[in-house]
């Protein structure tokens, strides 16, 4: 029985691994999908099988894979930021200030909304994501090249609201950037680069918890799965960029109808 339970836990963690790493490349709320999965698979024969601390630690740790994929995919963007800092011999360039504002607004916004997050139903979060994606169809093309600090405030607020279960951080930040008339490919890059501090923090927290925990939460064979999932996440970013260039990102709204409907019955 213990062996069967251990195998079940490992299989569940592998499932979490692929859902988290792959769906982080899409505006569909990976965390919302994990909550949905937990409601479907968290109980076996009416009893709780999986340790919550183990699952959350593993979930945080997986953000490291997303950070790596984003750094590789957006290499030219962050390389240009570092080069501009080096050339001007100053740390706080306009771009650094822009992203700093996003993170500061996100941090203080989270402190305000955190007490009510658990009270918001998952179905409402999925509904918000669905509406946001379909709304992208009606946004007009934008040609603004220079990002304004006020744009950063709006994107930071959007990133704060994305802490609501089921709300896609990528979808909401991309929508807010596009609504501020930022060009699609810039909005795409901003949305992912703005997630790097959150991803790095999550990875460090997860790594510390896994390292210090007495629970058996990690197997080194998972590294193989992480590499496979990361490759898949990279190609999903390529697909996402393809949809963005053709103004078809809103198509993913049709997919979001599925988890939204399922969440209403759980």
C-alpha atoms as a PDB file:
ATOM      1  CA  UNK A   1       0.000   0.000   0.000  1.00  0.00           C
ATOM      2  CA  UNK A   2       2.850   2.397   0.894  1.00  0.00           C
ATOM      3  CA  UNK A   3       4.543   1.685  -2.450  1.00  0.00           C
ATOM      4  CA  UNK A   4       1.300   2.286  -4.356  1.00  0.00           C
ATOM      5  CA  UNK A   5       0.728   5.539  -2.464  1.00  0.00           C
ATOM      6  CA  UNK A   6       4.300   6.681  -3.159  1.00  0.00           C
ATOM      7  CA  UNK A   7       3.862   5.962  -6.886  1.00  0.00           C
ATOM      8  CA  UNK A   8       0.581   7.891  -6.862  1.00  0.00           C
ATOM      9  CA  UNK A   9       2.248  10.907  -5.260  1.00  0.00           C
ATOM     10  CA  UNK A  10       5.099  10.813  -7.809  1.00  0.00           C
ATOM     11  CA  UNK A  11       2.669  10.592 -10.710  1.00  0.00           C
ATOM     12  CA  UNK A  12       0.699  13.519  -9.330  1.00  0.00           C
ATOM     13  CA  UNK A  13       3.848  15.619  -8.951  1.00  0.00           C
ATOM     14  CA  UNK A  14       4.869  14.834 -12.540  1.00  0.00           C
ATOM     15  CA  UNK A  15       1.409  15.930 -13.665  1.00  0.00           C
ATOM     16  CA  UNK A  16       1.809  19.170 -11.691  1.00  0.00           C
ATOM     17  CA  UNK A  17       5.227  19.632 -13.294  1.00  0.00           C
ATOM     18  CA  UNK A  18       3.937  19.500 -16.863  1.00  0.00           C
ATOM     19  CA  UNK A  19       0.810  21.563 -16.183  1.00  0.00           C
ATOM     20  CA  UNK A  20       2.748  24.310 -14.399  1.00  0.00           C
ATOM     21  CA  UNK A  21       5.729  24.593 -16.755  1.00  0.00           C
ATOM     22  CA  UNK A  22       3.768  24.259 -19.990  1.00  0.00           C
ATOM     23  CA  UNK A  23       0.806  26.465 -19.133  1.00  0.00           C
ATOM     24  CA  UNK A  24       3.027  29.274 -17.817  1.00  0.00           C
ATOM     25  CA  UNK A  25       3.704  29.986 -21.501  1.00  0.00           C
ATOM     26  CA  UNK A  26       0.016  30.542 -22.219  1.00  0.00           C
ATOM     27  CA  UNK A  27      -2.496  33.142 -20.954  1.00  0.00           C
ATOM     28  CA  UNK A  28      -4.756  30.529 -19.359  1.00  0.00           C
ATOM     29  CA  UNK A  29      -3.730  30.665 -15.645  1.00  0.00           C
ATOM     30  CA  UNK A  30      -1.457  27.739 -14.823  1.00  0.00           C
ATOM     31  CA  UNK A  31      -2.131  28.189 -11.095  1.00  0.00           C
ATOM     32  CA  UNK A  32      -5.874  28.100 -11.735  1.00  0.00           C
ATOM     33  CA  UNK A  33      -5.491  24.845 -13.647  1.00  0.00           C
ATOM     34  CA  UNK A  34      -3.494  23.391 -10.756  1.00  0.00           C
ATOM     35  CA  UNK A  35      -6.262  24.305  -8.317  1.00  0.00           C
ATOM     36  CA  UNK A  36      -8.728  22.661 -10.674  1.00  0.00           C
ATOM     37  CA  UNK A  37      -6.543  19.553 -10.812  1.00  0.00           C
ATOM     38  CA  UNK A  38      -6.257  19.452  -7.045  1.00  0.00           C
ATOM     39  CA  UNK A  39     -10.039  19.473  -6.749  1.00  0.00           C
ATOM     40  CA  UNK A  40     -10.227  16.559  -9.172  1.00  0.00           C
ATOM     41  CA  UNK A  41      -7.298  14.479  -7.893  1.00  0.00           C
ATOM     42  CA  UNK A  42      -6.545  15.651  -4.360  1.00  0.00           C
ATOM     43  CA  UNK A  43      -8.721  13.014  -2.728  1.00  0.00           C
ATOM     44  CA  UNK A  44      -8.567   9.243  -3.078  1.00  0.00           C
ATOM     45  CA  UNK A  45     -11.422   7.185  -1.632  1.00  0.00           C
ATOM     46  CA  UNK A  46     -12.571  10.205   0.293  1.00  0.00           C
ATOM     47  CA  UNK A  47      -9.280  10.728   2.152  1.00  0.00           C
ATOM     48  CA  UNK A  48      -6.538  13.271   1.595  1.00  0.00           C
ATOM     49  CA  UNK A  49      -3.444  11.591   0.150  1.00  0.00           C
ATOM     50  CA  UNK A  50      -1.074  14.372  -0.773  1.00  0.00           C
ATOM     51  CA  UNK A  51       0.773  16.621   1.620  1.00  0.00           C
ATOM     52  CA  UNK A  52      -0.089  20.250   0.907  1.00  0.00           C
ATOM     53  CA  UNK A  53       3.330  21.508   1.999  1.00  0.00           C
ATOM     54  CA  UNK A  54       5.033  19.119  -0.409  1.00  0.00           C
ATOM     55  CA  UNK A  55       2.879  20.193  -3.351  1.00  0.00           C
ATOM     56  CA  UNK A  56       3.248  23.932  -2.759  1.00  0.00           C
ATOM     57  CA  UNK A  57       7.030  23.632  -2.325  1.00  0.00           C
ATOM     58  CA  UNK A  58       7.300  21.688  -5.582  1.00  0.00           C
ATOM     59  CA  UNK A  59       5.022  24.215  -7.315  1.00  0.00           C
ATOM     60  CA  UNK A  60       7.203  27.150  -6.243  1.00  0.00           C
ATOM     61  CA  UNK A  61      10.367  25.316  -7.271  1.00  0.00           C
ATOM     62  CA  UNK A  62       9.034  24.810 -10.810  1.00  0.00           C
ATOM     63  CA  UNK A  63       9.042  28.567 -11.379  1.00  0.00           C
ATOM     64  CA  UNK A  64      12.775  28.194 -11.945  1.00  0.00           C
ATOM     65  CA  UNK A  65      12.096  26.361 -15.206  1.00  0.00           C
ATOM     66  CA  UNK A  66       9.796  29.163 -16.364  1.00  0.00           C
ATOM     67  CA  UNK A  67      12.405  31.806 -15.517  1.00  0.00           C
ATOM     68  CA  UNK A  68      14.994  29.925 -17.564  1.00  0.00           C
ATOM     69  CA  UNK A  69      12.680  29.579 -20.574  1.00  0.00           C
ATOM     70  CA  UNK A  70      11.739  33.276 -20.452  1.00  0.00           C
ATOM     71  CA  UNK A  71      15.392  34.354 -20.199  1.00  0.00           C
ATOM     72  CA  UNK A  72      16.277  32.262 -23.246  1.00  0.00           C
ATOM     73  CA  UNK A  73      13.280  33.288 -25.338  1.00  0.00           C
ATOM     74  CA  UNK A  74      13.582  37.018 -24.571  1.00  0.00           C
ATOM     75  CA  UNK A  75      17.372  37.048 -24.660  1.00  0.00           C
ATOM     76  CA  UNK A  76      17.558  40.057 -26.998  1.00  0.00           C
ATOM     77  CA  UNK A  77      15.282  42.155 -24.790  1.00  0.00           C
ATOM     78  CA  UNK A  78      17.084  41.771 -21.497  1.00  0.00           C
ATOM     79  CA  UNK A  79      20.487  41.838 -23.230  1.00  0.00           C
ATOM     80  CA  UNK A  80      19.563  45.258 -24.655  1.00  0.00           C
ATOM     81  CA  UNK A  81      18.540  46.438 -21.184  1.00  0.00           C
ATOM     82  CA  UNK A  82      21.867  45.372 -19.675  1.00  0.00           C
ATOM     83  CA  UNK A  83      23.817  46.885 -22.568  1.00  0.00           C
ATOM     84  CA  UNK A  84      22.058  50.230 -22.144  1.00  0.00           C
ATOM     85  CA  UNK A  85      22.886  50.191 -18.421  1.00  0.00           C
ATOM     86  CA  UNK A  86      26.548  49.470 -19.193  1.00  0.00           C
ATOM     87  CA  UNK A  87      26.773  52.080 -21.970  1.00  0.00           C
ATOM     88  CA  UNK A  88      25.218  54.842 -19.891  1.00  0.00           C
ATOM     89  CA  UNK A  89      27.109  53.784 -16.750  1.00  0.00           C
ATOM     90  CA  UNK A  90      23.928  53.997 -14.683  1.00  0.00           C
ATOM     91  CA  UNK A  91      21.821  51.402 -12.929  1.00  0.00           C
ATOM     92  CA  UNK A  92      18.439  53.090 -13.075  1.00  0.00           C
ATOM     93  CA  UNK A  93      17.800  53.562 -16.772  1.00  0.00           C
ATOM     94  CA  UNK A  94      14.299  54.431 -17.950  1.00  0.00           C
ATOM     95  CA  UNK A  95      13.592  50.750 -18.682  1.00  0.00           C
ATOM     96  CA  UNK A  96      14.797  49.637 -15.253  1.00  0.00           C
ATOM     97  CA  UNK A  97      12.581  52.256 -13.636  1.00  0.00           C
ATOM     98  CA  UNK A  98       9.656  51.079 -15.765  1.00  0.00           C
ATOM     99  CA  UNK A  99       9.926  47.480 -14.579  1.00  0.00           C
ATOM    100  CA  UNK A 100      10.698  48.575 -11.005  1.00  0.00           C
ATOM    101  CA  UNK A 101       7.413  50.496 -10.903  1.00  0.00           C
ATOM    102  CA  UNK A 102       5.567  47.388 -12.073  1.00  0.00           C
ATOM    103  CA  UNK A 103       7.086  45.282  -9.270  1.00  0.00           C
ATOM    104  CA  UNK A 104       6.555  47.944  -6.576  1.00  0.00           C
ATOM    105  CA  UNK A 105       2.892  48.379  -7.518  1.00  0.00           C
ATOM    106  CA  UNK A 106       2.495  44.584  -7.595  1.00  0.00           C
ATOM    107  CA  UNK A 107       4.060  44.173  -4.150  1.00  0.00           C
ATOM    108  CA  UNK A 108       1.947  46.774  -2.372  1.00  0.00           C
ATOM    109  CA  UNK A 109      -1.129  45.776  -4.336  1.00  0.00           C
ATOM    110  CA  UNK A 110      -0.694  42.179  -3.220  1.00  0.00           C
ATOM    111  CA  UNK A 111      -0.521  43.253   0.430  1.00  0.00           C
ATOM    112  CA  UNK A 112      -3.909  44.926  -0.031  1.00  0.00           C
ATOM    113  CA  UNK A 113      -5.716  42.122  -1.876  1.00  0.00           C
ATOM    114  CA  UNK A 114      -4.097  39.108  -0.191  1.00  0.00           C
ATOM    115  CA  UNK A 115      -6.679  38.883   2.667  1.00  0.00           C
ATOM    116  CA  UNK A 116      -9.580  38.423   0.237  1.00  0.00           C
ATOM    117  CA  UNK A 117      -7.937  36.135  -2.348  1.00  0.00           C
ATOM    118  CA  UNK A 118      -9.176  32.863  -0.825  1.00  0.00           C
ATOM    119  CA  UNK A 119     -12.750  34.165  -0.787  1.00  0.00           C
ATOM    120  CA  UNK A 120     -12.892  34.571  -4.576  1.00  0.00           C
ATOM    121  CA  UNK A 121     -14.210  31.483  -6.407  1.00  0.00           C
ATOM    122  CA  UNK A 122     -12.030  29.886  -9.065  1.00  0.00           C
ATOM    123  CA  UNK A 123     -14.881  30.024 -11.581  1.00  0.00           C
ATOM    124  CA  UNK A 124     -14.927  33.840 -11.340  1.00  0.00           C
ATOM    125  CA  UNK A 125     -11.193  33.997 -12.043  1.00  0.00           C
ATOM    126  CA  UNK A 126     -11.561  31.783 -15.108  1.00  0.00           C
ATOM    127  CA  UNK A 127     -14.484  33.923 -16.262  1.00  0.00           C
ATOM    128  CA  UNK A 128     -12.326  37.067 -16.000  1.00  0.00           C
ATOM    129  CA  UNK A 129      -9.560  35.405 -18.025  1.00  0.00           C
ATOM    130  CA  UNK A 130     -12.059  34.303 -20.678  1.00  0.00           C
ATOM    131  CA  UNK A 131     -13.511  37.818 -21.009  1.00  0.00           C
ATOM    132  CA  UNK A 132     -10.014  39.347 -21.200  1.00  0.00           C
ATOM    133  CA  UNK A 133      -8.931  37.011 -23.993  1.00  0.00           C
ATOM    134  CA  UNK A 134     -12.051  37.603 -26.063  1.00  0.00           C
ATOM    135  CA  UNK A 135     -11.667  41.362 -25.487  1.00  0.00           C
ATOM    136  CA  UNK A 136      -8.303  41.278 -27.254  1.00  0.00           C
ATOM    137  CA  UNK A 137     -10.174  40.850 -30.526  1.00  0.00           C
ATOM    138  CA  UNK A 138     -11.545  44.380 -30.241  1.00  0.00           C
ATOM    139  CA  UNK A 139      -8.345  46.232 -29.366  1.00  0.00           C
ATOM    140  CA  UNK A 140      -7.046  48.453 -32.121  1.00  0.00           C
ATOM    141  CA  UNK A 141      -3.496  48.172 -33.412  1.00  0.00           C
ATOM    142  CA  UNK A 142      -0.916  50.248 -31.534  1.00  0.00           C
ATOM    143  CA  UNK A 143       2.354  51.810 -32.623  1.00  0.00           C
ATOM    144  CA  UNK A 144       3.641  53.425 -29.431  1.00  0.00           C
ATOM    145  CA  UNK A 145       7.346  52.656 -29.025  1.00  0.00           C
ATOM    146  CA  UNK A 146       8.189  54.506 -25.810  1.00  0.00           C
ATOM    147  CA  UNK A 147       6.752  53.096 -22.625  1.00  0.00           C
ATOM    148  CA  UNK A 148       5.419  55.585 -20.075  1.00  0.00           C
ATOM    149  CA  UNK A 149       5.656  55.241 -16.310  1.00  0.00           C
ATOM    150  CA  UNK A 150       1.871  55.461 -16.078  1.00  0.00           C
ATOM    151  CA  UNK A 151       1.749  52.368 -18.295  1.00  0.00           C
ATOM    152  CA  UNK A 152       3.889  50.583 -15.700  1.00  0.00           C
ATOM    153  CA  UNK A 153       1.394  51.498 -12.960  1.00  0.00           C
ATOM    154  CA  UNK A 154      -1.489  49.975 -14.921  1.00  0.00           C
ATOM    155  CA  UNK A 155       0.512  46.833 -15.717  1.00  0.00           C
ATOM    156  CA  UNK A 156       1.504  46.524 -12.054  1.00  0.00           C
ATOM    157  CA  UNK A 157      -2.151  46.793 -11.011  1.00  0.00           C
ATOM    158  CA  UNK A 158      -3.030  44.135 -13.579  1.00  0.00           C
ATOM    159  CA  UNK A 159      -0.303  41.862 -12.206  1.00  0.00           C
ATOM    160  CA  UNK A 160      -1.753  42.375  -8.722  1.00  0.00           C
ATOM    161  CA  UNK A 161      -5.248  41.338  -9.831  1.00  0.00           C
ATOM    162  CA  UNK A 162      -3.712  38.232 -11.380  1.00  0.00           C
ATOM    163  CA  UNK A 163      -3.223  36.843  -7.860  1.00  0.00           C
ATOM    164  CA  UNK A 164      -6.950  36.074  -7.994  1.00  0.00           C
ATOM    165  CA  UNK A 165      -7.277  32.295  -8.547  1.00  0.00           C
ATOM    166  CA  UNK A 166      -7.999  31.538 -12.187  1.00  0.00           C
ATOM    167  CA  UNK A 167      -6.961  34.962 -13.508  1.00  0.00           C
ATOM    168  CA  UNK A 168      -4.111  34.704 -16.010  1.00  0.00           C
ATOM    169  CA  UNK A 169      -1.213  36.995 -15.107  1.00  0.00           C
ATOM    170  CA  UNK A 170       0.027  36.900 -18.698  1.00  0.00           C
ATOM    171  CA  UNK A 171      -3.414  37.532 -20.143  1.00  0.00           C
ATOM    172  CA  UNK A 172      -4.206  40.456 -17.858  1.00  0.00           C
ATOM    173  CA  UNK A 173      -0.821  42.193 -18.110  1.00  0.00           C
ATOM    174  CA  UNK A 174      -0.739  41.755 -21.895  1.00  0.00           C
ATOM    175  CA  UNK A 175      -4.259  43.153 -22.159  1.00  0.00           C
ATOM    176  CA  UNK A 176      -3.432  46.147 -19.937  1.00  0.00           C
ATOM    177  CA  UNK A 177      -0.293  46.914 -21.972  1.00  0.00           C
ATOM    178  CA  UNK A 178      -2.229  46.685 -25.235  1.00  0.00           C
ATOM    179  CA  UNK A 179      -5.030  48.810 -23.796  1.00  0.00           C
ATOM    180  CA  UNK A 180      -2.359  51.430 -23.072  1.00  0.00           C
ATOM    181  CA  UNK A 181      -1.510  51.373 -26.806  1.00  0.00           C
ATOM    182  CA  UNK A 182       1.794  49.505 -26.413  1.00  0.00           C
ATOM    183  CA  UNK A 183       2.757  47.517 -29.512  1.00  0.00           C
ATOM    184  CA  UNK A 184       1.784  43.797 -29.381  1.00  0.00           C
ATOM    185  CA  UNK A 185       5.317  42.371 -29.456  1.00  0.00           C
ATOM    186  CA  UNK A 186       6.443  44.860 -26.784  1.00  0.00           C
ATOM    187  CA  UNK A 187       3.424  44.024 -24.624  1.00  0.00           C
ATOM    188  CA  UNK A 188       4.296  40.345 -25.064  1.00  0.00           C
ATOM    189  CA  UNK A 189       7.867  40.880 -23.856  1.00  0.00           C
ATOM    190  CA  UNK A 190       6.876  43.238 -21.022  1.00  0.00           C
ATOM    191  CA  UNK A 191       4.376  40.723 -19.666  1.00  0.00           C
ATOM    192  CA  UNK A 192       6.985  37.991 -19.395  1.00  0.00           C
ATOM    193  CA  UNK A 193       9.936  40.112 -18.260  1.00  0.00           C
ATOM    194  CA  UNK A 194       7.758  41.618 -15.515  1.00  0.00           C
ATOM    195  CA  UNK A 195       7.145  38.086 -14.227  1.00  0.00           C
ATOM    196  CA  UNK A 196      10.849  37.333 -13.697  1.00  0.00           C
ATOM    197  CA  UNK A 197      11.167  38.748 -10.141  1.00  0.00           C
ATOM    198  CA  UNK A 198       8.064  36.812  -9.050  1.00  0.00           C
ATOM    199  CA  UNK A 199       9.378  33.663 -10.723  1.00  0.00           C
ATOM    200  CA  UNK A 200      12.834  33.950  -9.178  1.00  0.00           C
ATOM    201  CA  UNK A 201      11.361  34.559  -5.731  1.00  0.00           C
ATOM    202  CA  UNK A 202       9.093  31.537  -6.128  1.00  0.00           C
ATOM    203  CA  UNK A 203      11.996  29.354  -7.225  1.00  0.00           C
ATOM    204  CA  UNK A 204      14.155  30.370  -4.238  1.00  0.00           C
ATOM    205  CA  UNK A 205      11.293  29.768  -1.808  1.00  0.00           C
ATOM    206  CA  UNK A 206      10.533  26.384  -3.356  1.00  0.00           C
ATOM    207  CA  UNK A 207      14.184  25.329  -3.396  1.00  0.00           C
ATOM    208  CA  UNK A 208      14.602  26.264   0.275  1.00  0.00           C
ATOM    209  CA  UNK A 209      11.440  24.422   1.297  1.00  0.00           C
ATOM    210  CA  UNK A 210      12.378  21.274  -0.599  1.00  0.00           C
ATOM    211  CA  UNK A 211      15.912  21.368   0.793  1.00  0.00           C
ATOM    212  CA  UNK A 212      14.886  21.927   4.409  1.00  0.00           C
ATOM    213  CA  UNK A 213      11.784  19.727   4.455  1.00  0.00           C
ATOM    214  CA  UNK A 214      11.889  16.268   6.002  1.00  0.00           C
ATOM    215  CA  UNK A 215       9.227  15.192   3.506  1.00  0.00           C
ATOM    216  CA  UNK A 216      10.079  13.191   0.393  1.00  0.00           C
ATOM    217  CA  UNK A 217       8.972  15.706  -2.231  1.00  0.00           C
ATOM    218  CA  UNK A 218      11.560  15.492  -4.985  1.00  0.00           C
ATOM    219  CA  UNK A 219      13.140  12.787  -7.088  1.00  0.00           C
ATOM    220  CA  UNK A 220      16.147  13.523  -9.315  1.00  0.00           C
ATOM    221  CA  UNK A 221      14.372  11.814 -12.213  1.00  0.00           C
ATOM    222  CA  UNK A 222      12.132  14.888 -12.245  1.00  0.00           C
ATOM    223  CA  UNK A 223      14.981  16.821 -13.860  1.00  0.00           C
ATOM    224  CA  UNK A 224      14.411  14.845 -17.070  1.00  0.00           C
ATOM    225  CA  UNK A 225      10.733  15.793 -17.032  1.00  0.00           C
ATOM    226  CA  UNK A 226      11.595  19.423 -16.277  1.00  0.00           C
ATOM    227  CA  UNK A 227      13.868  19.565 -19.345  1.00  0.00           C
ATOM    228  CA  UNK A 228      11.160  18.032 -21.542  1.00  0.00           C
ATOM    229  CA  UNK A 229       8.493  20.391 -20.162  1.00  0.00           C
ATOM    230  CA  UNK A 230      10.814  23.398 -20.607  1.00  0.00           C
ATOM    231  CA  UNK A 231      11.370  22.542 -24.268  1.00  0.00           C
ATOM    232  CA  UNK A 232       7.615  22.279 -24.691  1.00  0.00           C
ATOM    233  CA  UNK A 233       7.151  25.637 -22.938  1.00  0.00           C
ATOM    234  CA  UNK A 234       9.636  27.261 -25.324  1.00  0.00           C
ATOM    235  CA  UNK A 235       7.757  26.032 -28.393  1.00  0.00           C
ATOM    236  CA  UNK A 236       4.468  27.184 -26.845  1.00  0.00           C
ATOM    237  CA  UNK A 237       6.015  30.659 -26.595  1.00  0.00           C
ATOM    238  CA  UNK A 238       6.840  30.436 -30.297  1.00  0.00           C
ATOM    239  CA  UNK A 239       3.217  29.491 -30.983  1.00  0.00           C
ATOM    240  CA  UNK A 240       1.972  32.303 -28.754  1.00  0.00           C
ATOM    241  CA  UNK A 241       4.110  34.853 -30.576  1.00  0.00           C
ATOM    242  CA  UNK A 242       2.751  33.527 -33.877  1.00  0.00           C
ATOM    243  CA  UNK A 243      -0.816  34.146 -32.658  1.00  0.00           C
ATOM    244  CA  UNK A 244       0.075  37.611 -31.372  1.00  0.00           C
ATOM    245  CA  UNK A 245       1.654  38.682 -34.670  1.00  0.00           C
ATOM    246  CA  UNK A 246      -1.536  37.705 -36.456  1.00  0.00           C
ATOM    247  CA  UNK A 247      -3.883  39.211 -33.879  1.00  0.00           C
ATOM    248  CA  UNK A 248      -5.304  35.808 -32.997  1.00  0.00           C
ATOM    249  CA  UNK A 249      -4.461  35.516 -29.309  1.00  0.00           C
ATOM    250  CA  UNK A 250      -8.147  35.877 -28.510  1.00  0.00           C
ATOM    251  CA  UNK A 251      -8.682  32.382 -29.956  1.00  0.00           C
ATOM    252  CA  UNK A 252      -7.520  30.978 -26.611  1.00  0.00           C
ATOM    253  CA  UNK A 253     -10.708  32.409 -25.120  1.00  0.00           C
ATOM    254  CA  UNK A 254     -12.568  29.492 -26.697  1.00  0.00           C
ATOM    255  CA  UNK A 255     -10.348  27.069 -24.768  1.00  0.00           C
ATOM    256  CA  UNK A 256     -10.934  28.938 -21.497  1.00  0.00           C
ATOM    257  CA  UNK A 257     -14.629  28.125 -21.713  1.00  0.00           C
ATOM    258  CA  UNK A 258     -13.750  24.522 -20.788  1.00  0.00           C
ATOM    259  CA  UNK A 259     -12.018  25.074 -17.407  1.00  0.00           C
ATOM    260  CA  UNK A 260     -14.508  27.838 -16.621  1.00  0.00           C
ATOM    261  CA  UNK A 261     -17.490  25.506 -17.037  1.00  0.00           C
ATOM    262  CA  UNK A 262     -15.787  22.649 -15.157  1.00  0.00           C
ATOM    263  CA  UNK A 263     -14.923  24.939 -12.248  1.00  0.00           C
ATOM    264  CA  UNK A 264     -18.595  25.883 -11.825  1.00  0.00           C
ATOM    265  CA  UNK A 265     -19.383  22.278 -10.845  1.00  0.00           C
ATOM    266  CA  UNK A 266     -16.473  21.716  -8.428  1.00  0.00           C
END
